[in-house]
Amino acid sequence: MTIHQYLRMVAGAFVMLSLALGYYVDPRWFLFTGFVGLNLFQSAFSDWCPLITILQKLGIRECRHQERKAIQ
């Protein structure tokens, strides 16, 4: 899996988990859902996401098309 696949997987899991926690435990968990959405929104404009930085430090490989560009 690539960094962006992990990013989508973790973001989706956070959204689903926080929705479940907000519904079954405490509505304040919906704030976490909003935080995840806001982070995804800002990363579209700034091209920076904290999770990508963490995944890079863990040694997860980049996207395939970025690897091809680096080779050329």
Protein backbone atom coordinates (compact mmCIF):
# COMPACT_ATOMS: atom_id res chain seq x y z
CA MET A 1 0.00 0.00 0.00
CA THR A 2 1.09 3.55 -0.64
CA ILE A 3 0.97 6.63 1.58
CA HIS A 4 -2.21 7.94 -0.02
CA GLN A 5 -3.97 4.59 0.35
CA TYR A 6 -3.09 4.57 4.06
CA LEU A 7 -4.22 8.19 4.35
CA ARG A 8 -7.65 7.42 2.91
CA MET A 9 -7.96 4.27 5.02
CA VAL A 10 -7.08 6.03 8.30
CA ALA A 11 -9.25 9.08 7.55
CA GLY A 12 -12.21 6.86 6.70
CA ALA A 13 -11.69 4.77 9.83
CA PHE A 14 -11.48 7.91 11.99
CA VAL A 15 -14.69 9.28 10.49
CA MET A 16 -16.58 6.01 10.96
CA LEU A 17 -15.25 5.52 14.49
CA SER A 18 -16.06 9.07 15.57
CA LEU A 19 -19.54 8.84 14.09
CA ALA A 20 -20.19 5.63 16.02
CA LEU A 21 -18.78 7.13 19.23
CA GLY A 22 -20.83 10.28 18.72
CA TYR A 23 -24.01 8.31 18.26
CA TYR A 24 -23.54 5.68 20.98
CA VAL A 25 -21.30 7.38 23.59
CA ASP A 26 -21.33 11.17 23.55
CA PRO A 27 -22.27 13.71 20.85
CA ARG A 28 -19.05 15.63 21.48
CA TRP A 29 -17.25 12.94 19.46
CA PHE A 30 -18.77 14.59 16.37
CA LEU A 31 -16.21 17.35 16.92
CA PHE A 32 -13.51 14.81 16.04
CA THR A 33 -15.39 14.02 12.83
CA GLY A 34 -15.34 17.74 12.05
CA PHE A 35 -11.62 17.92 12.82
CA VAL A 36 -10.86 15.10 10.38
CA GLY A 37 -12.96 16.76 7.69
CA LEU A 38 -11.35 20.15 8.28
CA ASN A 39 -7.88 18.59 8.10
CA LEU A 40 -8.71 16.90 4.79
CA PHE A 41 -10.11 20.19 3.48
CA GLN A 42 -7.04 22.24 4.43
CA SER A 43 -4.68 19.62 2.99
CA ALA A 44 -6.31 20.10 -0.41
CA PHE A 45 -5.13 23.72 -0.41
CA SER A 46 -1.86 23.53 1.51
CA ASP A 47 -0.71 20.15 0.11
CA TRP A 48 0.35 19.18 3.65
CA CYS A 49 -1.23 16.63 5.95
CA PRO A 50 0.19 15.67 9.36
CA LEU A 51 -0.58 11.97 8.78
CA ILE A 52 1.47 11.94 5.57
CA THR A 53 4.46 13.30 7.51
CA ILE A 54 4.04 10.52 10.09
CA LEU A 55 3.68 7.83 7.43
CA GLN A 56 6.80 9.07 5.63
CA LYS A 57 8.79 8.83 8.86
CA LEU A 58 7.50 5.26 9.26
CA GLY A 59 8.95 4.43 5.84
CA ILE A 60 5.70 3.94 3.92
CA ARG A 61 6.36 4.28 0.19
CA GLU A 62 5.10 7.13 -1.93
CA CYS A 63 2.52 6.85 -4.69
CA ARG A 64 3.48 4.88 -7.76
CA HIS A 65 3.23 7.85 -10.15
CA GLN A 66 5.55 9.90 -7.90
CA GLU A 67 8.06 7.05 -7.90
CA ARG A 68 8.03 6.96 -11.72
CA LYS A 69 8.66 10.71 -11.92
CA ALA A 70 11.61 10.40 -9.53
CA ILE A 71 13.16 7.63 -11.64
CA GLN A 72 12.91 9.64 -14.87
